[in-house]
Amino acid sequence: MRRVPGFIKRAPRIDLRRPAVLIDPQGVETVVTIIDVSSGGFKLAAEELPRIGEIVILRVDGSEDIEAQIRWAIDGQAGGVFLTEVDYSALP
């Protein structure tokens, strides 16, 4: 089977739209909105975006801190991958 040009297979997304705190490597906390999550990562919206490649902590009320790496950031949104296993269905 061949890939269709321009098609990227992605895990299903769950629309979350929940407030969270992103903590950068220097410990600076930024309020963000987690837009959606998948089994491997997330998309967030923020006024001040993290840098690509940064290792960050996501803190969502009612869940444990989640370690992640930022993979892309543009136009008020950023995406990353979880560095630890996350039960995203248990996020509040």
Protein backbone atom coordinates (compact mmCIF):
# COMPACT_ATOMS: atom_id res chain seq x y z
CA MET A 1 0.00 0.00 0.00
CA ARG A 2 1.32 3.45 -0.89
CA ARG A 3 0.81 6.69 0.93
CA VAL A 4 -1.20 9.35 -0.79
CA PRO A 5 1.04 12.40 -1.38
CA GLY A 6 0.48 14.95 1.36
CA PHE A 7 -1.34 12.45 3.61
CA ILE A 8 0.06 11.98 7.10
CA LYS A 9 -1.47 9.21 9.20
CA ARG A 10 -2.29 10.52 12.67
CA ALA A 11 -3.76 9.05 15.81
CA PRO A 12 -7.37 10.08 16.53
CA ARG A 13 -7.69 13.39 18.39
CA ILE A 14 -9.91 14.10 21.39
CA ASP A 15 -11.21 17.67 21.60
CA LEU A 16 -10.29 18.85 25.11
CA ARG A 17 -10.25 22.66 25.22
CA ARG A 18 -9.15 22.81 28.84
CA PRO A 19 -7.03 25.39 30.66
CA ALA A 20 -3.60 24.19 31.77
CA VAL A 21 -0.23 25.51 32.84
CA LEU A 22 2.90 24.96 30.76
CA ILE A 23 6.16 25.05 32.72
CA ASP A 24 9.28 25.74 30.68
CA PRO A 25 12.83 24.50 31.48
CA GLN A 26 13.51 27.64 33.55
CA GLY A 27 10.41 27.03 35.69
CA VAL A 28 8.38 29.86 34.14
CA GLU A 29 4.67 29.05 34.19
CA THR A 30 2.40 30.10 31.30
CA VAL A 31 -1.37 29.67 31.17
CA VAL A 32 -2.36 27.78 28.00
CA THR A 33 -5.41 26.05 26.57
CA ILE A 34 -5.01 22.43 25.57
CA ILE A 35 -7.00 22.19 22.34
CA ASP A 36 -6.77 18.48 21.72
CA VAL A 37 -4.86 15.36 22.67
CA SER A 38 -4.05 12.01 21.10
CA SER A 39 -2.33 8.90 22.38
CA GLY A 40 1.04 10.46 21.65
CA GLY A 41 0.71 14.21 21.93
CA PHE A 42 -1.26 17.42 22.11
CA LYS A 43 -2.02 20.79 20.55
CA LEU A 44 -2.26 23.92 22.67
CA ALA A 45 -2.98 27.60 22.25
CA ALA A 46 -1.06 30.34 24.06
CA GLU A 47 -0.20 34.02 23.74
CA GLU A 48 3.48 33.27 24.34
CA LEU A 49 4.62 30.08 22.63
CA PRO A 50 7.28 27.69 23.85
CA ARG A 51 10.36 27.07 21.71
CA ILE A 52 10.55 24.07 19.41
CA GLY A 53 12.54 21.29 21.07
CA GLU A 54 11.93 22.48 24.64
CA ILE A 55 11.18 19.89 27.29
CA VAL A 56 8.18 21.19 29.24
CA ILE A 57 5.74 20.12 31.93
CA LEU A 58 1.99 20.31 31.31
CA ARG A 59 -0.11 20.73 34.44
CA VAL A 60 -3.81 20.09 34.01
CA ASP A 61 -6.04 20.46 37.09
CA GLY A 62 -6.83 17.07 38.54
CA SER A 63 -4.01 15.19 36.79
CA GLU A 64 -0.36 14.50 37.42
CA ASP A 65 2.28 16.68 35.76
CA ILE A 66 2.98 15.51 32.21
CA GLU A 67 6.46 15.75 30.68
CA ALA A 68 6.45 16.63 26.97
CA GLN A 69 8.59 17.99 24.16
CA ILE A 70 7.44 20.81 21.87
CA ARG A 71 7.66 19.79 18.20
CA TRP A 72 6.11 22.77 16.42
CA ALA A 73 4.89 26.29 17.22
CA ILE A 74 3.24 28.84 14.92
CA ASP A 75 0.43 31.40 14.89
CA GLY A 76 -0.55 31.14 18.55
CA GLN A 77 -0.55 27.34 18.64
CA ALA A 78 2.01 24.68 19.47
CA GLY A 79 2.14 20.91 19.44
CA GLY A 80 4.16 18.38 21.28
CA VAL A 81 4.67 14.75 22.15
CA PHE A 82 4.28 13.16 25.56
CA LEU A 83 7.56 11.84 26.97
CA THR A 84 5.81 9.67 29.51
CA GLU A 85 2.83 7.39 29.08
CA VAL A 86 -0.38 9.38 29.52
CA ASP A 87 -3.92 8.15 30.04
CA TYR A 88 -5.39 11.10 28.16
CA SER A 89 -8.91 9.72 28.64
CA ALA A 90 -8.47 10.39 32.38
CA LEU A 91 -7.70 14.08 31.90
CA PRO A 92 -10.42 16.15 33.57
